[in-house]
């Protein structure tokens, strides 16, 4: 497919002018992509609506598109890929299902299913073979399940950890990019939104309110990433996606206490996903654009007005990819 340069964003630093290009690799008007996993610079897996999964083994030049049999109407909001052949995908509800493939997507088998009324899965996170999923509260208890074998089997924690309850009715989690839960050296962190927006540390049972916009069903935290002993949270109001106020917060965690810091120049609108490229460079994206920070998240520069739901960096490598509506997958060229 002919490469399309969507936009070139210029930003300035004390070292001079640097530029980024956002290069579209593939599009599909029938699919909205929210799940992305990048094992290395060349292997890219994505998942989305209409039962669709995409895979590239050459950095996005050639794509294999799969419609998962018997799940043609499902929305796979998150995906975790372990290599070129092995991946798991998460269908959020009615019922909630997790499927796994070991042959590059040719065949899928069910490893998790829950048809409980109100069940809605939001995100997965893995650290090697250990993984965890989070779902919306059931009777105010946060739904969680974990695996120690790359998703072959799952243990449900709902009703076991009753201390993990939402603080206010109308607080839940967003399945906007599969990134509202993240493992770090200090624990397993996840963030909520809606009427209330909190950050949780599962291991310490620590809970604290996030200084981010909240109060309606479209507001709150959407994504979290961790770098060593610190982290970043983005969100905002997806119903008013150009508003920049109270859409991002930096934090550190020590002795069951979160300390927050608000950026001097926030991202330019609602953002559904954020990642660290390194300690100082970060990327965030949402329906109203893509931003970059070169100072640890304190100041953000808009590099594109194009809409993307998710951004991911290669786990082994340096490549950075975006995905979003209309089946678009793109690469950020630094």
C-alpha atoms as a PDB file:
ATOM      1  CA  UNK A   1       0.000   0.000   0.000  1.00  0.00           C
ATOM      2  CA  UNK A   2       1.239   3.468  -0.840  1.00  0.00           C
ATOM      3  CA  UNK A   3       2.572   5.207   2.234  1.00  0.00           C
ATOM      4  CA  UNK A   4       0.730   8.369   3.223  1.00  0.00           C
ATOM      5  CA  UNK A   5       2.325  11.065   5.315  1.00  0.00           C
ATOM      6  CA  UNK A   6      -0.500  12.382   7.485  1.00  0.00           C
ATOM      7  CA  UNK A   7       1.345  15.149   9.208  1.00  0.00           C
ATOM      8  CA  UNK A   8       4.729  16.449  10.190  1.00  0.00           C
ATOM      9  CA  UNK A   9       4.981  18.042  13.594  1.00  0.00           C
ATOM     10  CA  UNK A  10       7.830  20.376  14.410  1.00  0.00           C
ATOM     11  CA  UNK A  11       8.917  21.167  17.896  1.00  0.00           C
ATOM     12  CA  UNK A  12      11.855  23.018  19.385  1.00  0.00           C
ATOM     13  CA  UNK A  13      14.323  22.155  22.104  1.00  0.00           C
ATOM     14  CA  UNK A  14      17.526  23.682  23.389  1.00  0.00           C
ATOM     15  CA  UNK A  15      19.369  21.513  20.897  1.00  0.00           C
ATOM     16  CA  UNK A  16      17.523  22.841  17.860  1.00  0.00           C
ATOM     17  CA  UNK A  17      14.699  21.650  15.611  1.00  0.00           C
ATOM     18  CA  UNK A  18      13.484  18.068  15.641  1.00  0.00           C
ATOM     19  CA  UNK A  19      10.677  16.556  13.596  1.00  0.00           C
ATOM     20  CA  UNK A  20       8.362  13.575  13.683  1.00  0.00           C
ATOM     21  CA  UNK A  21       6.459  12.017  10.834  1.00  0.00           C
ATOM     22  CA  UNK A  22       3.305   9.971  11.271  1.00  0.00           C
ATOM     23  CA  UNK A  23       3.299   7.463   8.437  1.00  0.00           C
ATOM     24  CA  UNK A  24       0.084   5.505   7.806  1.00  0.00           C
ATOM     25  CA  UNK A  25       0.775   1.832   7.146  1.00  0.00           C
ATOM     26  CA  UNK A  26      -2.738   0.460   6.538  1.00  0.00           C
ATOM     27  CA  UNK A  27      -6.419   1.457   6.681  1.00  0.00           C
ATOM     28  CA  UNK A  28      -9.767  -0.338   6.810  1.00  0.00           C
ATOM     29  CA  UNK A  29     -12.979   1.678   7.004  1.00  0.00           C
ATOM     30  CA  UNK A  30     -14.913  -1.207   8.606  1.00  0.00           C
ATOM     31  CA  UNK A  31     -12.712  -1.623  11.695  1.00  0.00           C
ATOM     32  CA  UNK A  32     -12.006   0.493  14.775  1.00  0.00           C
ATOM     33  CA  UNK A  33      -8.749  -0.584  16.419  1.00  0.00           C
ATOM     34  CA  UNK A  34      -8.180  -0.193  20.168  1.00  0.00           C
ATOM     35  CA  UNK A  35      -5.929  -3.156  20.908  1.00  0.00           C
ATOM     36  CA  UNK A  36      -2.238  -3.179  19.950  1.00  0.00           C
ATOM     37  CA  UNK A  37       0.763  -5.249  20.990  1.00  0.00           C
ATOM     38  CA  UNK A  38       4.288  -4.940  19.542  1.00  0.00           C
ATOM     39  CA  UNK A  39       6.723  -7.719  20.566  1.00  0.00           C
ATOM     40  CA  UNK A  40       9.585  -6.222  18.530  1.00  0.00           C
ATOM     41  CA  UNK A  41      10.275  -3.646  15.845  1.00  0.00           C
ATOM     42  CA  UNK A  42       8.851  -5.833  13.083  1.00  0.00           C
ATOM     43  CA  UNK A  43       6.029  -7.814  14.714  1.00  0.00           C
ATOM     44  CA  UNK A  44       2.774  -5.870  15.174  1.00  0.00           C
ATOM     45  CA  UNK A  45      -0.569  -7.260  16.313  1.00  0.00           C
ATOM     46  CA  UNK A  46      -3.784  -5.207  16.451  1.00  0.00           C
ATOM     47  CA  UNK A  47      -7.404  -6.019  17.322  1.00  0.00           C
ATOM     48  CA  UNK A  48     -10.713  -4.237  16.939  1.00  0.00           C
ATOM     49  CA  UNK A  49     -14.341  -4.280  15.950  1.00  0.00           C
ATOM     50  CA  UNK A  50     -16.185  -6.744  13.692  1.00  0.00           C
ATOM     51  CA  UNK A  51     -14.114  -9.647  14.990  1.00  0.00           C
ATOM     52  CA  UNK A  52     -10.969  -8.432  13.291  1.00  0.00           C
ATOM     53  CA  UNK A  53      -7.308  -9.040  14.126  1.00  0.00           C
ATOM     54  CA  UNK A  54      -4.349  -7.762  12.130  1.00  0.00           C
ATOM     55  CA  UNK A  55      -0.756  -8.979  12.067  1.00  0.00           C
ATOM     56  CA  UNK A  56       2.399  -7.732  10.354  1.00  0.00           C
ATOM     57  CA  UNK A  57       5.811  -9.379  10.508  1.00  0.00           C
ATOM     58  CA  UNK A  58       7.772  -6.730   8.609  1.00  0.00           C
ATOM     59  CA  UNK A  59       7.129  -3.478  10.429  1.00  0.00           C
ATOM     60  CA  UNK A  60       3.760  -2.804   8.824  1.00  0.00           C
ATOM     61  CA  UNK A  61       4.548  -3.135   5.121  1.00  0.00           C
ATOM     62  CA  UNK A  62       2.479  -6.298   4.624  1.00  0.00           C
ATOM     63  CA  UNK A  63      -0.597  -7.139   6.728  1.00  0.00           C
ATOM     64  CA  UNK A  64      -2.560 -10.297   7.339  1.00  0.00           C
ATOM     65  CA  UNK A  65      -6.165  -9.562   8.371  1.00  0.00           C
ATOM     66  CA  UNK A  66      -8.167 -12.208  10.195  1.00  0.00           C
ATOM     67  CA  UNK A  67     -11.875 -12.302  11.028  1.00  0.00           C
ATOM     68  CA  UNK A  68     -12.102 -14.685  13.966  1.00  0.00           C
ATOM     69  CA  UNK A  69     -14.574 -17.454  13.169  1.00  0.00           C
ATOM     70  CA  UNK A  70     -17.781 -17.395  15.245  1.00  0.00           C
ATOM     71  CA  UNK A  71     -16.812 -13.987  16.665  1.00  0.00           C
ATOM     72  CA  UNK A  72     -17.507 -11.858  13.595  1.00  0.00           C
ATOM     73  CA  UNK A  73     -19.607  -9.329  15.528  1.00  0.00           C
ATOM     74  CA  UNK A  74     -17.366  -9.028  18.573  1.00  0.00           C
ATOM     75  CA  UNK A  75     -15.192  -6.070  19.525  1.00  0.00           C
ATOM     76  CA  UNK A  76     -11.707  -7.143  20.610  1.00  0.00           C
ATOM     77  CA  UNK A  77     -10.681  -4.155  22.737  1.00  0.00           C
ATOM     78  CA  UNK A  78      -7.294  -5.493  23.813  1.00  0.00           C
ATOM     79  CA  UNK A  79      -4.603  -7.858  22.581  1.00  0.00           C
ATOM     80  CA  UNK A  80      -1.388  -9.254  24.035  1.00  0.00           C
ATOM     81  CA  UNK A  81       1.144 -10.774  21.644  1.00  0.00           C
ATOM     82  CA  UNK A  82       4.067 -12.847  22.860  1.00  0.00           C
ATOM     83  CA  UNK A  83       5.706 -13.455  19.475  1.00  0.00           C
ATOM     84  CA  UNK A  84       4.867 -13.800  15.780  1.00  0.00           C
ATOM     85  CA  UNK A  85       2.568 -16.777  16.394  1.00  0.00           C
ATOM     86  CA  UNK A  86       1.205 -16.466  19.931  1.00  0.00           C
ATOM     87  CA  UNK A  87      -1.363 -13.895  21.078  1.00  0.00           C
ATOM     88  CA  UNK A  88      -4.505 -13.513  23.161  1.00  0.00           C
ATOM     89  CA  UNK A  89      -7.467 -11.226  22.453  1.00  0.00           C
ATOM     90  CA  UNK A  90     -10.190  -9.894  24.750  1.00  0.00           C
ATOM     91  CA  UNK A  91     -13.856  -9.441  23.791  1.00  0.00           C
ATOM     92  CA  UNK A  92     -15.372  -7.189  26.411  1.00  0.00           C
ATOM     93  CA  UNK A  93     -18.918  -8.427  27.089  1.00  0.00           C
ATOM     94  CA  UNK A  94     -22.063 -10.418  26.200  1.00  0.00           C
ATOM     95  CA  UNK A  95     -20.300 -12.617  27.224  1.00  0.00           C
ATOM     96  CA  UNK A  96     -16.757 -11.547  28.130  1.00  0.00           C
ATOM     97  CA  UNK A  97     -14.353 -13.857  26.292  1.00  0.00           C
ATOM     98  CA  UNK A  98     -10.598 -14.281  25.936  1.00  0.00           C
ATOM     99  CA  UNK A  99      -9.227 -16.287  23.000  1.00  0.00           C
ATOM    100  CA  UNK A 100      -5.707 -17.517  22.265  1.00  0.00           C
ATOM    101  CA  UNK A 101      -3.806 -18.491  19.124  1.00  0.00           C
ATOM    102  CA  UNK A 102      -0.485 -20.302  18.749  1.00  0.00           C
ATOM    103  CA  UNK A 103      -0.368 -20.428  14.956  1.00  0.00           C
ATOM    104  CA  UNK A 104      -0.389 -16.800  13.919  1.00  0.00           C
ATOM    105  CA  UNK A 105      -4.162 -16.381  14.098  1.00  0.00           C
ATOM    106  CA  UNK A 106      -5.207 -19.280  11.888  1.00  0.00           C
ATOM    107  CA  UNK A 107      -6.979 -20.959  14.793  1.00  0.00           C
ATOM    108  CA  UNK A 108      -8.242 -19.582  18.115  1.00  0.00           C
ATOM    109  CA  UNK A 109      -9.408 -21.350  21.253  1.00  0.00           C
ATOM    110  CA  UNK A 110     -11.267 -20.060  24.310  1.00  0.00           C
ATOM    111  CA  UNK A 111      -9.293 -19.628  27.541  1.00  0.00           C
ATOM    112  CA  UNK A 112     -11.779 -17.505  29.493  1.00  0.00           C
ATOM    113  CA  UNK A 113     -15.512 -16.795  29.447  1.00  0.00           C
ATOM    114  CA  UNK A 114     -17.874 -15.029  31.855  1.00  0.00           C
ATOM    115  CA  UNK A 115     -21.524 -14.345  31.094  1.00  0.00           C
ATOM    116  CA  UNK A 116     -22.352 -12.659  34.417  1.00  0.00           C
ATOM    117  CA  UNK A 117     -24.877  -9.857  33.957  1.00  0.00           C
ATOM    118  CA  UNK A 118     -23.066  -6.530  33.802  1.00  0.00           C
ATOM    119  CA  UNK A 119     -19.698  -8.137  33.001  1.00  0.00           C
ATOM    120  CA  UNK A 120     -17.482  -5.823  30.935  1.00  0.00           C
ATOM    121  CA  UNK A 121     -13.724  -6.345  30.579  1.00  0.00           C
ATOM    122  CA  UNK A 122     -11.588  -3.266  30.021  1.00  0.00           C
ATOM    123  CA  UNK A 123      -7.881  -4.065  29.741  1.00  0.00           C
ATOM    124  CA  UNK A 124      -5.064  -6.596  30.107  1.00  0.00           C
ATOM    125  CA  UNK A 125      -1.450  -6.242  31.174  1.00  0.00           C
ATOM    126  CA  UNK A 126       1.336  -8.824  31.075  1.00  0.00           C
ATOM    127  CA  UNK A 127       4.786  -9.127  32.574  1.00  0.00           C
ATOM    128  CA  UNK A 128       6.264 -12.145  30.856  1.00  0.00           C
ATOM    129  CA  UNK A 129       3.947 -15.132  31.403  1.00  0.00           C
ATOM    130  CA  UNK A 130       2.089 -13.397  34.256  1.00  0.00           C
ATOM    131  CA  UNK A 131      -0.943 -11.334  33.320  1.00  0.00           C
ATOM    132  CA  UNK A 132      -4.000  -9.629  34.740  1.00  0.00           C
ATOM    133  CA  UNK A 133      -7.323  -8.376  33.396  1.00  0.00           C
ATOM    134  CA  UNK A 134      -9.570  -5.733  34.891  1.00  0.00           C
ATOM    135  CA  UNK A 135     -13.294  -5.250  34.401  1.00  0.00           C
ATOM    136  CA  UNK A 136     -16.034  -2.881  35.455  1.00  0.00           C
ATOM    137  CA  UNK A 137     -17.332  -3.266  39.028  1.00  0.00           C
ATOM    138  CA  UNK A 138     -19.948  -5.903  39.783  1.00  0.00           C
ATOM    139  CA  UNK A 139     -21.935  -4.944  42.895  1.00  0.00           C
ATOM    140  CA  UNK A 140     -19.264  -2.260  43.477  1.00  0.00           C
ATOM    141  CA  UNK A 141     -16.496  -4.914  43.631  1.00  0.00           C
ATOM    142  CA  UNK A 142     -13.833  -4.470  40.956  1.00  0.00           C
ATOM    143  CA  UNK A 143     -13.587  -7.497  38.677  1.00  0.00           C
ATOM    144  CA  UNK A 144     -10.080  -8.881  38.221  1.00  0.00           C
ATOM    145  CA  UNK A 145      -8.567 -12.145  37.023  1.00  0.00           C
ATOM    146  CA  UNK A 146      -4.968 -13.291  36.747  1.00  0.00           C
ATOM    147  CA  UNK A 147      -2.882 -15.832  34.856  1.00  0.00           C
ATOM    148  CA  UNK A 148       0.584 -17.305  35.348  1.00  0.00           C
ATOM    149  CA  UNK A 149       0.805 -19.278  32.090  1.00  0.00           C
ATOM    150  CA  UNK A 150       0.461 -16.713  29.284  1.00  0.00           C
ATOM    151  CA  UNK A 151      -3.317 -16.752  29.450  1.00  0.00           C
ATOM    152  CA  UNK A 152      -3.909 -20.490  29.223  1.00  0.00           C
ATOM    153  CA  UNK A 153      -5.877 -20.410  32.478  1.00  0.00           C
ATOM    154  CA  UNK A 154      -7.312 -17.619  34.648  1.00  0.00           C
ATOM    155  CA  UNK A 155      -8.134 -17.179  38.326  1.00  0.00           C
ATOM    156  CA  UNK A 156     -10.995 -14.807  39.120  1.00  0.00           C
ATOM    157  CA  UNK A 157     -10.496 -12.451  42.050  1.00  0.00           C
ATOM    158  CA  UNK A 158     -13.980 -10.937  42.151  1.00  0.00           C
ATOM    159  CA  UNK A 159     -15.508 -11.514  45.594  1.00  0.00           C
ATOM    160  CA  UNK A 160     -12.134 -12.606  47.009  1.00  0.00           C
ATOM    161  CA  UNK A 161     -10.599  -9.160  47.425  1.00  0.00           C
ATOM    162  CA  UNK A 162     -13.633  -7.330  48.776  1.00  0.00           C
ATOM    163  CA  UNK A 163     -11.409  -4.431  49.840  1.00  0.00           C
ATOM    164  CA  UNK A 164     -11.048  -3.537  46.157  1.00  0.00           C
ATOM    165  CA  UNK A 165     -14.337  -1.711  45.779  1.00  0.00           C
ATOM    166  CA  UNK A 166     -15.058   1.472  43.845  1.00  0.00           C
ATOM    167  CA  UNK A 167     -15.430   4.555  45.999  1.00  0.00           C
ATOM    168  CA  UNK A 168     -18.535   5.955  44.333  1.00  0.00           C
ATOM    169  CA  UNK A 169     -21.429   4.646  42.241  1.00  0.00           C
ATOM    170  CA  UNK A 170     -20.766   5.537  38.609  1.00  0.00           C
ATOM    171  CA  UNK A 171     -17.007   4.898  38.892  1.00  0.00           C
ATOM    172  CA  UNK A 172     -15.759   2.344  36.380  1.00  0.00           C
ATOM    173  CA  UNK A 173     -12.979   1.708  33.859  1.00  0.00           C
ATOM    174  CA  UNK A 174     -12.507   2.598  30.192  1.00  0.00           C
ATOM    175  CA  UNK A 175     -11.819   0.072  27.435  1.00  0.00           C
ATOM    176  CA  UNK A 176     -10.465   2.856  25.247  1.00  0.00           C
ATOM    177  CA  UNK A 177      -6.958   1.516  24.594  1.00  0.00           C
ATOM    178  CA  UNK A 178      -6.379  -1.479  26.860  1.00  0.00           C
ATOM    179  CA  UNK A 179      -3.929   0.561  28.940  1.00  0.00           C
ATOM    180  CA  UNK A 180      -5.643   1.555  32.191  1.00  0.00           C
ATOM    181  CA  UNK A 181      -3.694  -1.132  34.079  1.00  0.00           C
ATOM    182  CA  UNK A 182       0.085  -1.433  34.342  1.00  0.00           C
ATOM    183  CA  UNK A 183       2.679  -3.418  36.288  1.00  0.00           C
ATOM    184  CA  UNK A 184       5.555  -1.612  37.951  1.00  0.00           C
ATOM    185  CA  UNK A 185       8.278  -2.327  40.501  1.00  0.00           C
ATOM    186  CA  UNK A 186       6.034  -0.935  43.250  1.00  0.00           C
ATOM    187  CA  UNK A 187       2.965  -2.970  42.331  1.00  0.00           C
ATOM    188  CA  UNK A 188       0.058  -3.357  39.948  1.00  0.00           C
ATOM    189  CA  UNK A 189      -1.554   0.017  39.225  1.00  0.00           C
ATOM    190  CA  UNK A 190      -4.871   0.761  37.552  1.00  0.00           C
ATOM    191  CA  UNK A 191      -6.957   3.898  37.059  1.00  0.00           C
ATOM    192  CA  UNK A 192     -10.694   4.572  36.945  1.00  0.00           C
ATOM    193  CA  UNK A 193     -13.024   7.195  35.514  1.00  0.00           C
ATOM    194  CA  UNK A 194     -16.626   8.324  35.429  1.00  0.00           C
ATOM    195  CA  UNK A 195     -18.237   9.984  38.435  1.00  0.00           C
ATOM    196  CA  UNK A 196     -14.948   9.495  40.294  1.00  0.00           C
ATOM    197  CA  UNK A 197     -11.370   8.947  39.096  1.00  0.00           C
ATOM    198  CA  UNK A 198      -8.941   7.042  41.315  1.00  0.00           C
ATOM    199  CA  UNK A 199      -5.616   5.259  41.091  1.00  0.00           C
ATOM    200  CA  UNK A 200      -5.265   1.860  42.770  1.00  0.00           C
ATOM    201  CA  UNK A 201      -2.263  -0.214  43.754  1.00  0.00           C
ATOM    202  CA  UNK A 202      -3.542  -3.783  43.897  1.00  0.00           C
ATOM    203  CA  UNK A 203      -0.644  -5.187  45.952  1.00  0.00           C
ATOM    204  CA  UNK A 204      -0.791  -2.571  48.730  1.00  0.00           C
ATOM    205  CA  UNK A 205      -4.568  -1.984  48.479  1.00  0.00           C
ATOM    206  CA  UNK A 206      -3.698   1.718  48.169  1.00  0.00           C
ATOM    207  CA  UNK A 207      -6.341   4.023  46.654  1.00  0.00           C
ATOM    208  CA  UNK A 208      -6.128   7.751  45.986  1.00  0.00           C
ATOM    209  CA  UNK A 209      -8.095  10.322  43.983  1.00  0.00           C
ATOM    210  CA  UNK A 210      -6.452  11.535  40.763  1.00  0.00           C
ATOM    211  CA  UNK A 211      -6.351  15.277  40.008  1.00  0.00           C
ATOM    212  CA  UNK A 212      -8.041  14.836  36.634  1.00  0.00           C
ATOM    213  CA  UNK A 213     -11.422  15.900  35.241  1.00  0.00           C
ATOM    214  CA  UNK A 214     -14.271  13.720  36.543  1.00  0.00           C
ATOM    215  CA  UNK A 215     -17.985  13.761  37.347  1.00  0.00           C
ATOM    216  CA  UNK A 216     -19.708  12.382  34.226  1.00  0.00           C
ATOM    217  CA  UNK A 217     -19.703   9.071  32.367  1.00  0.00           C
ATOM    218  CA  UNK A 218     -17.338  10.436  29.706  1.00  0.00           C
ATOM    219  CA  UNK A 219     -14.669  11.792  32.056  1.00  0.00           C
ATOM    220  CA  UNK A 220     -11.738  10.486  34.047  1.00  0.00           C
ATOM    221  CA  UNK A 221      -8.508   8.557  33.604  1.00  0.00           C
ATOM    222  CA  UNK A 222      -8.113   6.336  30.531  1.00  0.00           C
ATOM    223  CA  UNK A 223      -4.479   5.233  30.467  1.00  0.00           C
ATOM    224  CA  UNK A 224      -1.469   4.763  32.738  1.00  0.00           C
ATOM    225  CA  UNK A 225       2.196   4.002  32.120  1.00  0.00           C
ATOM    226  CA  UNK A 226       5.045   3.404  34.554  1.00  0.00           C
ATOM    227  CA  UNK A 227       8.754   4.213  34.299  1.00  0.00           C
ATOM    228  CA  UNK A 228      10.745   2.804  37.221  1.00  0.00           C
ATOM    229  CA  UNK A 229       9.419   4.578  40.338  1.00  0.00           C
ATOM    230  CA  UNK A 230       7.155   7.094  38.614  1.00  0.00           C
ATOM    231  CA  UNK A 231       4.205   7.154  36.274  1.00  0.00           C
ATOM    232  CA  UNK A 232       1.816   9.156  34.143  1.00  0.00           C
ATOM    233  CA  UNK A 233      -1.968   9.164  33.678  1.00  0.00           C
ATOM    234  CA  UNK A 234      -4.007  10.665  30.829  1.00  0.00           C
ATOM    235  CA  UNK A 235      -7.704  11.016  30.115  1.00  0.00           C
ATOM    236  CA  UNK A 236     -10.087  13.952  30.132  1.00  0.00           C
ATOM    237  CA  UNK A 237     -13.553  14.101  28.592  1.00  0.00           C
ATOM    238  CA  UNK A 238     -14.010  12.053  25.415  1.00  0.00           C
ATOM    239  CA  UNK A 239     -17.332  13.801  24.767  1.00  0.00           C
ATOM    240  CA  UNK A 240     -15.453  17.131  24.625  1.00  0.00           C
ATOM    241  CA  UNK A 241     -12.183  15.882  23.228  1.00  0.00           C
ATOM    242  CA  UNK A 242     -10.492  19.227  22.452  1.00  0.00           C
ATOM    243  CA  UNK A 243     -10.484  20.434  26.084  1.00  0.00           C
ATOM    244  CA  UNK A 244      -6.968  20.327  27.527  1.00  0.00           C
ATOM    245  CA  UNK A 245      -7.669  21.225  31.143  1.00  0.00           C
ATOM    246  CA  UNK A 246      -7.139  18.511  33.769  1.00  0.00           C
ATOM    247  CA  UNK A 247      -6.371  15.738  31.285  1.00  0.00           C
ATOM    248  CA  UNK A 248      -2.960  14.571  32.511  1.00  0.00           C
ATOM    249  CA  UNK A 249      -1.174  13.905  35.798  1.00  0.00           C
ATOM    250  CA  UNK A 250       2.326  12.729  36.702  1.00  0.00           C
ATOM    251  CA  UNK A 251       2.854  10.776  39.909  1.00  0.00           C
ATOM    252  CA  UNK A 252       5.317   9.039  42.184  1.00  0.00           C
ATOM    253  CA  UNK A 253       4.460   6.303  44.677  1.00  0.00           C
ATOM    254  CA  UNK A 254       6.118   5.739  48.052  1.00  0.00           C
ATOM    255  CA  UNK A 255       4.901   4.024  51.225  1.00  0.00           C
ATOM    256  CA  UNK A 256       1.304   3.589  50.003  1.00  0.00           C
ATOM    257  CA  UNK A 257       1.019   7.259  49.061  1.00  0.00           C
ATOM    258  CA  UNK A 258       0.750   8.864  45.630  1.00  0.00           C
ATOM    259  CA  UNK A 259       2.226  12.308  45.005  1.00  0.00           C
ATOM    260  CA  UNK A 260       0.826  14.053  41.910  1.00  0.00           C
ATOM    261  CA  UNK A 261       2.201  16.777  39.664  1.00  0.00           C
ATOM    262  CA  UNK A 262       0.235  18.618  36.969  1.00  0.00           C
ATOM    263  CA  UNK A 263       1.983  19.394  33.631  1.00  0.00           C
ATOM    264  CA  UNK A 264       2.827  23.002  32.855  1.00  0.00           C
ATOM    265  CA  UNK A 265       1.637  22.499  29.267  1.00  0.00           C
ATOM    266  CA  UNK A 266      -0.870  19.628  29.083  1.00  0.00           C
ATOM    267  CA  UNK A 267      -1.692  17.475  26.044  1.00  0.00           C
ATOM    268  CA  UNK A 268      -3.985  19.226  23.583  1.00  0.00           C
ATOM    269  CA  UNK A 269      -7.270  17.494  24.375  1.00  0.00           C
ATOM    270  CA  UNK A 270      -8.698  14.210  25.624  1.00  0.00           C
ATOM    271  CA  UNK A 271      -6.156  11.398  25.431  1.00  0.00           C
ATOM    272  CA  UNK A 272      -6.886   7.665  25.584  1.00  0.00           C
ATOM    273  CA  UNK A 273      -3.337   6.271  25.695  1.00  0.00           C
ATOM    274  CA  UNK A 274       0.112   7.299  26.931  1.00  0.00           C
ATOM    275  CA  UNK A 275       3.533   5.595  26.850  1.00  0.00           C
ATOM    276  CA  UNK A 276       7.091   6.279  27.924  1.00  0.00           C
ATOM    277  CA  UNK A 277       9.612   6.071  25.070  1.00  0.00           C
ATOM    278  CA  UNK A 278      12.342   6.672  27.621  1.00  0.00           C
ATOM    279  CA  UNK A 279      12.560   8.549  30.913  1.00  0.00           C
ATOM    280  CA  UNK A 280      12.144  11.942  29.251  1.00  0.00           C
ATOM    281  CA  UNK A 281      10.298  11.272  25.995  1.00  0.00           C
ATOM    282  CA  UNK A 282       6.601  10.321  26.037  1.00  0.00           C
ATOM    283  CA  UNK A 283       3.825   9.993  23.451  1.00  0.00           C
ATOM    284  CA  UNK A 284       0.098  10.351  24.047  1.00  0.00           C
ATOM    285  CA  UNK A 285      -2.815  10.063  21.609  1.00  0.00           C
ATOM    286  CA  UNK A 286      -6.579  10.455  21.461  1.00  0.00           C
ATOM    287  CA  UNK A 287      -9.432  11.309  19.152  1.00  0.00           C
ATOM    288  CA  UNK A 288      -8.267  14.927  18.816  1.00  0.00           C
ATOM    289  CA  UNK A 289      -4.579  14.350  18.128  1.00  0.00           C
ATOM    290  CA  UNK A 290      -1.118  13.140  19.093  1.00  0.00           C
ATOM    291  CA  UNK A 291       1.290  14.889  21.481  1.00  0.00           C
ATOM    292  CA  UNK A 292       4.941  14.448  22.406  1.00  0.00           C
ATOM    293  CA  UNK A 293       6.829  15.442  25.537  1.00  0.00           C
ATOM    294  CA  UNK A 294      10.597  15.644  25.756  1.00  0.00           C
ATOM    295  CA  UNK A 295      10.849  16.656  29.425  1.00  0.00           C
ATOM    296  CA  UNK A 296       9.265  13.770  31.283  1.00  0.00           C
ATOM    297  CA  UNK A 297       5.658  14.834  30.674  1.00  0.00           C
ATOM    298  CA  UNK A 298       5.757  18.372  32.052  1.00  0.00           C
ATOM    299  CA  UNK A 299       5.270  20.050  28.658  1.00  0.00           C
ATOM    300  CA  UNK A 300       3.498  18.649  25.603  1.00  0.00           C
ATOM    301  CA  UNK A 301       3.666  19.623  21.926  1.00  0.00           C
ATOM    302  CA  UNK A 302       0.905  18.703  19.455  1.00  0.00           C
ATOM    303  CA  UNK A 303       2.418  16.875  16.475  1.00  0.00           C
ATOM    304  CA  UNK A 304      -0.776  15.811  14.691  1.00  0.00           C
ATOM    305  CA  UNK A 305      -4.507  16.535  14.738  1.00  0.00           C
ATOM    306  CA  UNK A 306      -5.245  13.024  13.479  1.00  0.00           C
ATOM    307  CA  UNK A 307      -7.320  10.669  15.638  1.00  0.00           C
ATOM    308  CA  UNK A 308      -5.750   7.554  17.173  1.00  0.00           C
ATOM    309  CA  UNK A 309      -6.919   5.349  20.065  1.00  0.00           C
ATOM    310  CA  UNK A 310      -3.709   3.570  21.056  1.00  0.00           C
ATOM    311  CA  UNK A 311       0.079   3.982  20.861  1.00  0.00           C
ATOM    312  CA  UNK A 312       2.660   1.314  21.692  1.00  0.00           C
ATOM    313  CA  UNK A 313       6.448   0.984  21.651  1.00  0.00           C
ATOM    314  CA  UNK A 314       8.132  -2.288  20.711  1.00  0.00           C
ATOM    315  CA  UNK A 315       8.905  -4.351  23.809  1.00  0.00           C
ATOM    316  CA  UNK A 316      12.209  -5.344  22.253  1.00  0.00           C
ATOM    317  CA  UNK A 317      13.232  -2.434  20.056  1.00  0.00           C
ATOM    318  CA  UNK A 318      12.542   1.222  19.424  1.00  0.00           C
ATOM    319  CA  UNK A 319       9.682   1.338  16.897  1.00  0.00           C
ATOM    320  CA  UNK A 320       6.539   3.237  17.921  1.00  0.00           C
ATOM    321  CA  UNK A 321       3.140   2.526  16.341  1.00  0.00           C
ATOM    322  CA  UNK A 322      -0.345   4.077  16.536  1.00  0.00           C
ATOM    323  CA  UNK A 323      -3.784   2.657  15.708  1.00  0.00           C
ATOM    324  CA  UNK A 324      -7.342   3.936  15.684  1.00  0.00           C
ATOM    325  CA  UNK A 325     -10.586   4.370  13.788  1.00  0.00           C
ATOM    326  CA  UNK A 326     -11.077   3.271  10.179  1.00  0.00           C
ATOM    327  CA  UNK A 327      -8.507   0.525  10.716  1.00  0.00           C
ATOM    328  CA  UNK A 328      -5.589   2.921  10.603  1.00  0.00           C
ATOM    329  CA  UNK A 329      -2.206   1.749  11.817  1.00  0.00           C
ATOM    330  CA  UNK A 330       0.671   4.220  11.638  1.00  0.00           C
ATOM    331  CA  UNK A 331       4.289   4.537  12.651  1.00  0.00           C
ATOM    332  CA  UNK A 332       5.912   7.545  14.279  1.00  0.00           C
ATOM    333  CA  UNK A 333       9.215   8.304  12.571  1.00  0.00           C
ATOM    334  CA  UNK A 334      11.463  10.327  14.877  1.00  0.00           C
END
